[in-house]
Amino acid sequence: MSSSPCGSAWPADGHDWSPTAPCPRAGCWLPTQWPTHLAEPSHYWVSTSPADTRFEELVRPARIHWRIEHDCRELKTALGLDHFEGRSWTGWHRHVTLVTAAQQQWESNRASKPTRREQK
């Protein structure tokens, strides 16, 4: 099995995103996140987006990964997604539905509260 580079990366400030290039052989992109204090990129994502895809569109899914991880952690810890110990599909489905409804309500309440910047 051989490997070929599927993009290029240069150090960026903080947690900025490096420029990427289309992979000449495999038709893929390799967006990377490379903080300046590290010797190599900290995160890699592979994409098979078309060659004319804008850079912003290419890295958007990778940029929101932290929000997805946060929501999963919140569902498990604060809302009890991982507390289900039943054995039936129906019970599990009801549990997940209630947890999802609770998260929706939680997020709606959070969105309706003014932020610290808005309070000043």
N, C-alpha and C. Protein backbone atom coordinates (compact mmCIF):
# COMPACT_ATOMS: atom_id res chain seq x y z
N MET A 1 0.85 -1.18 0.00
CA MET A 1 0.00 0.00 0.00
C MET A 1 0.89 1.23 0.00
N SER A 2 0.65 2.12 -0.92
CA SER A 2 1.44 3.34 -0.99
C SER A 2 0.58 4.53 -0.57
N SER A 3 1.24 5.59 -0.18
CA SER A 3 0.50 6.77 0.22
C SER A 3 0.98 7.95 -0.62
N SER A 4 0.10 8.90 -0.79
CA SER A 4 0.45 10.12 -1.50
C SER A 4 -0.14 11.29 -0.75
N PRO A 5 0.50 12.45 -0.81
CA PRO A 5 -0.05 13.60 -0.11
C PRO A 5 -1.37 14.03 -0.73
N CYS A 6 -2.33 14.31 0.09
CA CYS A 6 -3.65 14.75 -0.39
C CYS A 6 -3.91 16.18 0.04
N GLY A 7 -2.94 17.02 -0.10
CA GLY A 7 -3.13 18.41 0.27
C GLY A 7 -1.84 18.97 0.81
N SER A 8 -1.87 20.21 1.16
CA SER A 8 -0.70 20.82 1.73
C SER A 8 -1.13 21.63 2.94
N ALA A 9 -0.20 21.83 3.86
CA ALA A 9 -0.53 22.54 5.09
C ALA A 9 0.63 23.42 5.50
N TRP A 10 0.28 24.60 6.02
CA TRP A 10 1.29 25.50 6.54
C TRP A 10 0.85 25.91 7.93
N PRO A 11 1.81 26.20 8.82
CA PRO A 11 1.42 26.63 10.17
C PRO A 11 0.56 27.89 10.11
N ALA A 12 -0.39 27.96 11.02
CA ALA A 12 -1.26 29.14 11.12
C ALA A 12 -1.31 29.57 12.58
N ASP A 13 -1.71 30.78 12.82
CA ASP A 13 -1.79 31.27 14.20
C ASP A 13 -2.90 30.60 14.95
N GLY A 14 -2.66 30.31 16.23
CA GLY A 14 -3.68 29.72 17.08
C GLY A 14 -4.20 28.43 16.52
N HIS A 15 -5.50 28.35 16.33
CA HIS A 15 -6.14 27.16 15.79
C HIS A 15 -6.74 27.45 14.43
N ASP A 16 -6.07 28.28 13.66
CA ASP A 16 -6.56 28.58 12.33
C ASP A 16 -6.40 27.38 11.42
N TRP A 17 -6.99 27.48 10.28
CA TRP A 17 -6.98 26.37 9.33
C TRP A 17 -5.95 26.63 8.26
N SER A 18 -5.29 25.59 7.87
CA SER A 18 -4.27 25.73 6.85
C SER A 18 -4.90 25.68 5.47
N PRO A 19 -4.21 26.28 4.51
CA PRO A 19 -4.69 26.13 3.13
C PRO A 19 -4.63 24.67 2.71
N THR A 20 -5.48 24.29 1.83
CA THR A 20 -5.46 22.92 1.34
C THR A 20 -5.36 22.93 -0.17
N ALA A 21 -4.97 21.83 -0.72
CA ALA A 21 -4.89 21.69 -2.16
C ALA A 21 -5.58 20.39 -2.55
N PRO A 22 -6.14 20.35 -3.75
CA PRO A 22 -6.76 19.09 -4.15
C PRO A 22 -5.71 18.01 -4.34
N CYS A 23 -6.08 16.81 -3.99
CA CYS A 23 -5.17 15.68 -4.16
C CYS A 23 -5.13 15.33 -5.65
N PRO A 24 -3.96 15.33 -6.26
CA PRO A 24 -3.91 15.10 -7.69
C PRO A 24 -4.27 13.69 -8.11
N ARG A 25 -4.09 12.71 -7.23
CA ARG A 25 -4.34 11.32 -7.62
C ARG A 25 -5.71 10.81 -7.17
N ALA A 26 -6.07 11.06 -5.94
CA ALA A 26 -7.25 10.42 -5.38
C ALA A 26 -8.51 11.27 -5.49
N GLY A 27 -8.42 12.53 -5.87
CA GLY A 27 -9.61 13.37 -5.96
C GLY A 27 -10.18 13.71 -4.61
N CYS A 28 -9.31 13.96 -3.64
CA CYS A 28 -9.78 14.28 -2.29
C CYS A 28 -9.10 15.55 -1.81
N TRP A 29 -9.61 16.08 -0.71
CA TRP A 29 -9.01 17.22 -0.04
C TRP A 29 -8.59 16.77 1.34
N LEU A 30 -7.58 17.41 1.88
CA LEU A 30 -7.13 17.12 3.24
C LEU A 30 -6.99 18.44 4.00
N PRO A 31 -8.11 18.99 4.51
CA PRO A 31 -7.98 20.18 5.36
C PRO A 31 -7.30 19.78 6.66
N THR A 32 -6.42 20.64 7.13
CA THR A 32 -5.71 20.37 8.38
C THR A 32 -5.80 21.55 9.31
N GLN A 33 -5.72 21.28 10.58
CA GLN A 33 -5.67 22.32 11.60
C GLN A 33 -4.29 22.22 12.23
N TRP A 34 -3.52 23.31 12.17
CA TRP A 34 -2.13 23.27 12.60
C TRP A 34 -1.82 24.46 13.50
N PRO A 35 -1.96 24.31 14.81
CA PRO A 35 -1.58 25.38 15.73
C PRO A 35 -0.08 25.65 15.65
N THR A 36 0.31 26.90 15.81
CA THR A 36 1.72 27.27 15.67
C THR A 36 2.61 26.65 16.73
N HIS A 37 2.06 26.34 17.90
CA HIS A 37 2.90 25.79 18.96
C HIS A 37 3.15 24.29 18.82
N LEU A 38 2.59 23.66 17.80
CA LEU A 38 2.81 22.23 17.57
C LEU A 38 3.72 22.02 16.37
N ALA A 39 4.45 20.91 16.39
CA ALA A 39 5.37 20.60 15.31
C ALA A 39 4.67 20.08 14.07
N GLU A 40 3.45 19.58 14.23
CA GLU A 40 2.70 19.04 13.10
C GLU A 40 1.22 19.33 13.29
N PRO A 41 0.42 19.18 12.25
CA PRO A 41 -1.02 19.45 12.38
C PRO A 41 -1.67 18.61 13.48
N SER A 42 -2.65 19.20 14.13
CA SER A 42 -3.33 18.50 15.24
C SER A 42 -4.57 17.74 14.77
N HIS A 43 -5.19 18.15 13.69
CA HIS A 43 -6.38 17.48 13.19
C HIS A 43 -6.33 17.41 11.67
N TYR A 44 -6.88 16.33 11.14
CA TYR A 44 -6.98 16.12 9.70
C TYR A 44 -8.40 15.71 9.37
N TRP A 45 -8.88 16.15 8.21
CA TRP A 45 -10.18 15.72 7.72
C TRP A 45 -10.02 15.39 6.24
N VAL A 46 -10.65 14.36 5.80
CA VAL A 46 -10.61 13.98 4.39
C VAL A 46 -11.96 14.33 3.78
N SER A 47 -11.92 14.94 2.61
CA SER A 47 -13.15 15.32 1.94
C SER A 47 -13.05 14.94 0.47
N THR A 48 -14.17 14.52 -0.08
CA THR A 48 -14.24 14.21 -1.51
C THR A 48 -15.08 15.26 -2.23
N SER A 49 -15.06 16.49 -1.74
CA SER A 49 -15.81 17.58 -2.36
C SER A 49 -15.26 17.86 -3.76
N PRO A 50 -16.08 18.45 -4.62
CA PRO A 50 -15.62 18.78 -5.97
C PRO A 50 -14.43 19.76 -5.94
N ALA A 51 -13.69 19.80 -7.02
CA ALA A 51 -12.48 20.63 -7.09
C ALA A 51 -12.78 22.12 -6.98
N ASP A 52 -13.99 22.56 -7.34
CA ASP A 52 -14.31 23.99 -7.28
C ASP A 52 -14.93 24.41 -5.94
N THR A 53 -14.85 23.58 -4.93
CA THR A 53 -15.41 23.89 -3.62
C THR A 53 -14.61 25.02 -2.96
N ARG A 54 -15.31 26.02 -2.45
CA ARG A 54 -14.65 27.12 -1.74
C ARG A 54 -14.06 26.61 -0.43
N PHE A 55 -12.98 27.22 0.00
CA PHE A 55 -12.28 26.81 1.22
C PHE A 55 -13.21 26.86 2.43
N GLU A 56 -14.03 27.90 2.55
CA GLU A 56 -14.93 28.04 3.68
C GLU A 56 -15.94 26.90 3.75
N GLU A 57 -16.44 26.49 2.59
CA GLU A 57 -17.39 25.38 2.54
C GLU A 57 -16.71 24.06 2.88
N LEU A 58 -15.46 23.95 2.52
CA LEU A 58 -14.71 22.72 2.74
C LEU A 58 -14.46 22.48 4.23
N VAL A 59 -14.12 23.52 4.97
CA VAL A 59 -13.75 23.33 6.38
C VAL A 59 -14.92 23.53 7.34
N ARG A 60 -16.07 23.99 6.87
CA ARG A 60 -17.20 24.23 7.77
C ARG A 60 -17.59 23.00 8.58
N PRO A 61 -17.76 21.83 7.98
CA PRO A 61 -18.11 20.67 8.81
C PRO A 61 -17.06 20.33 9.86
N ALA A 62 -15.81 20.52 9.52
CA ALA A 62 -14.75 20.24 10.49
C ALA A 62 -14.75 21.27 11.61
N ARG A 63 -15.08 22.51 11.30
CA ARG A 63 -15.08 23.56 12.32
C ARG A 63 -16.18 23.35 13.37
N ILE A 64 -17.28 22.75 12.98
CA ILE A 64 -18.36 22.59 13.95
C ILE A 64 -18.26 21.30 14.75
N HIS A 65 -17.18 20.55 14.57
CA HIS A 65 -17.06 19.29 15.30
C HIS A 65 -17.07 19.51 16.81
N TRP A 66 -16.51 20.62 17.27
CA TRP A 66 -16.50 20.88 18.72
C TRP A 66 -17.91 21.03 19.25
N ARG A 67 -18.81 21.63 18.48
CA ARG A 67 -20.19 21.80 18.93
C ARG A 67 -20.91 20.45 19.01
N ILE A 68 -20.66 19.59 18.07
CA ILE A 68 -21.26 18.25 18.08
C ILE A 68 -20.76 17.47 19.28
N GLU A 69 -19.45 17.53 19.55
CA GLU A 69 -18.90 16.84 20.71
C GLU A 69 -19.48 17.39 22.01
N HIS A 70 -19.63 18.71 22.09
CA HIS A 70 -20.21 19.33 23.28
C HIS A 70 -21.65 18.87 23.49
N ASP A 71 -22.43 18.85 22.41
CA ASP A 71 -23.83 18.42 22.53
C ASP A 71 -23.93 16.96 22.96
N CYS A 72 -23.07 16.10 22.42
CA CYS A 72 -23.09 14.69 22.83
C CYS A 72 -22.75 14.54 24.30
N ARG A 73 -21.74 15.28 24.75
CA ARG A 73 -21.35 15.23 26.16
C ARG A 73 -22.49 15.74 27.05
N GLU A 74 -23.15 16.83 26.61
CA GLU A 74 -24.27 17.38 27.37
C GLU A 74 -25.44 16.40 27.42
N LEU A 75 -25.73 15.75 26.30
CA LEU A 75 -26.81 14.76 26.27
C LEU A 75 -26.53 13.63 27.25
N LYS A 76 -25.29 13.21 27.34
CA LYS A 76 -24.95 12.09 28.22
C LYS A 76 -24.91 12.50 29.68
N THR A 77 -24.26 13.60 30.00
CA THR A 77 -24.06 13.96 31.40
C THR A 77 -25.25 14.70 32.00
N ALA A 78 -25.66 15.79 31.39
CA ALA A 78 -26.68 16.64 32.00
C ALA A 78 -28.10 16.12 31.76
N LEU A 79 -28.32 15.48 30.62
CA LEU A 79 -29.69 15.08 30.28
C LEU A 79 -29.94 13.59 30.38
N GLY A 80 -28.93 12.80 30.67
CA GLY A 80 -29.12 11.39 30.97
C GLY A 80 -29.27 10.44 29.81
N LEU A 81 -28.72 10.77 28.66
CA LEU A 81 -28.83 9.87 27.52
C LEU A 81 -28.22 8.51 27.81
N ASP A 82 -27.13 8.49 28.56
CA ASP A 82 -26.46 7.22 28.84
C ASP A 82 -27.01 6.49 30.07
N HIS A 83 -28.13 6.94 30.62
CA HIS A 83 -28.70 6.30 31.81
C HIS A 83 -29.69 5.18 31.49
N PHE A 84 -30.01 5.00 30.24
CA PHE A 84 -30.99 3.99 29.87
C PHE A 84 -30.42 2.59 30.05
N GLU A 85 -31.14 1.74 30.77
CA GLU A 85 -30.69 0.37 31.01
C GLU A 85 -31.73 -0.66 30.59
N GLY A 86 -32.70 -0.23 29.82
CA GLY A 86 -33.74 -1.16 29.37
C GLY A 86 -33.24 -2.07 28.27
N ARG A 87 -34.11 -2.97 27.86
CA ARG A 87 -33.72 -3.95 26.84
C ARG A 87 -34.57 -3.89 25.58
N SER A 88 -35.60 -3.08 25.58
CA SER A 88 -36.48 -3.09 24.41
C SER A 88 -36.20 -1.88 23.51
N TRP A 89 -36.47 -2.08 22.23
CA TRP A 89 -36.33 -0.99 21.27
C TRP A 89 -37.30 0.14 21.61
N THR A 90 -38.51 -0.20 21.98
CA THR A 90 -39.52 0.81 22.30
C THR A 90 -39.08 1.66 23.48
N GLY A 91 -38.58 1.03 24.53
CA GLY A 91 -38.11 1.77 25.69
C GLY A 91 -36.94 2.69 25.36
N TRP A 92 -35.99 2.17 24.60
CA TRP A 92 -34.84 2.98 24.21
C TRP A 92 -35.29 4.16 23.36
N HIS A 93 -36.20 3.89 22.42
CA HIS A 93 -36.69 4.95 21.54
C HIS A 93 -37.40 6.04 22.34
N ARG A 94 -38.21 5.67 23.30
CA ARG A 94 -38.89 6.67 24.15
C ARG A 94 -37.87 7.47 24.95
N HIS A 95 -36.87 6.80 25.50
CA HIS A 95 -35.85 7.48 26.29
C HIS A 95 -35.10 8.51 25.44
N VAL A 96 -34.67 8.10 24.25
CA VAL A 96 -33.94 9.01 23.37
C VAL A 96 -34.83 10.17 22.93
N THR A 97 -36.09 9.90 22.69
CA THR A 97 -37.02 10.97 22.29
C THR A 97 -37.17 11.99 23.39
N LEU A 98 -37.34 11.54 24.63
CA LEU A 98 -37.47 12.48 25.74
C LEU A 98 -36.19 13.27 25.99
N VAL A 99 -35.05 12.63 25.89
CA VAL A 99 -33.78 13.34 26.07
C VAL A 99 -33.60 14.39 24.97
N THR A 100 -33.95 14.04 23.75
CA THR A 100 -33.83 14.98 22.64
C THR A 100 -34.78 16.17 22.83
N ALA A 101 -35.99 15.91 23.29
CA ALA A 101 -36.94 17.00 23.56
C ALA A 101 -36.42 17.89 24.70
N ALA A 102 -35.81 17.28 25.70
CA ALA A 102 -35.24 18.06 26.81
C ALA A 102 -34.10 18.94 26.31
N GLN A 103 -33.27 18.39 25.42
CA GLN A 103 -32.18 19.20 24.88
C GLN A 103 -32.71 20.36 24.05
N GLN A 104 -33.74 20.11 23.27
CA GLN A 104 -34.33 21.19 22.46
C GLN A 104 -34.86 22.30 23.36
N GLN A 105 -35.53 21.94 24.44
CA GLN A 105 -36.04 22.94 25.37
C GLN A 105 -34.89 23.69 26.04
N TRP A 106 -33.87 22.96 26.43
CA TRP A 106 -32.70 23.55 27.07
C TRP A 106 -32.05 24.58 26.14
N GLU A 107 -31.86 24.20 24.88
CA GLU A 107 -31.24 25.11 23.92
C GLU A 107 -32.13 26.30 23.62
N SER A 108 -33.44 26.10 23.57
CA SER A 108 -34.36 27.22 23.35
C SER A 108 -34.28 28.22 24.50
N ASN A 109 -34.25 27.71 25.72
CA ASN A 109 -34.12 28.59 26.88
C ASN A 109 -32.79 29.33 26.86
N ARG A 110 -31.73 28.62 26.50
CA ARG A 110 -30.40 29.24 26.46
C ARG A 110 -30.35 30.33 25.40
N ALA A 111 -30.97 30.09 24.26
CA ALA A 111 -30.95 31.06 23.17
C ALA A 111 -31.77 32.31 23.49
N SER A 112 -32.80 32.16 24.32
CA SER A 112 -33.65 33.31 24.64
C SER A 112 -33.07 34.20 25.73
N LYS A 113 -32.08 33.70 26.47
CA LYS A 113 -31.45 34.52 27.51
C LYS A 113 -30.45 35.47 26.86
N PRO A 114 -30.41 36.72 27.35
CA PRO A 114 -29.42 37.65 26.80
C PRO A 114 -28.00 37.23 27.22
N THR A 115 -27.06 37.45 26.32
CA THR A 115 -25.67 37.13 26.63
C THR A 115 -25.09 38.24 27.49
N ARG A 116 -23.90 38.03 28.00
CA ARG A 116 -23.26 39.05 28.83
C ARG A 116 -23.02 40.33 28.06
N ARG A 117 -22.69 40.20 26.78
CA ARG A 117 -22.47 41.40 25.95
C ARG A 117 -23.76 42.18 25.78
N GLU A 118 -24.88 41.48 25.63
CA GLU A 118 -26.17 42.15 25.45
C GLU A 118 -26.64 42.79 26.74
N GLN A 119 -26.22 42.30 27.90
CA GLN A 119 -26.66 42.86 29.17
C GLN A 119 -25.97 44.17 29.49
N LYS A 120 -24.80 44.42 28.90
CA LYS A 120 -24.04 45.64 29.20
C LYS A 120 -24.64 46.85 28.55
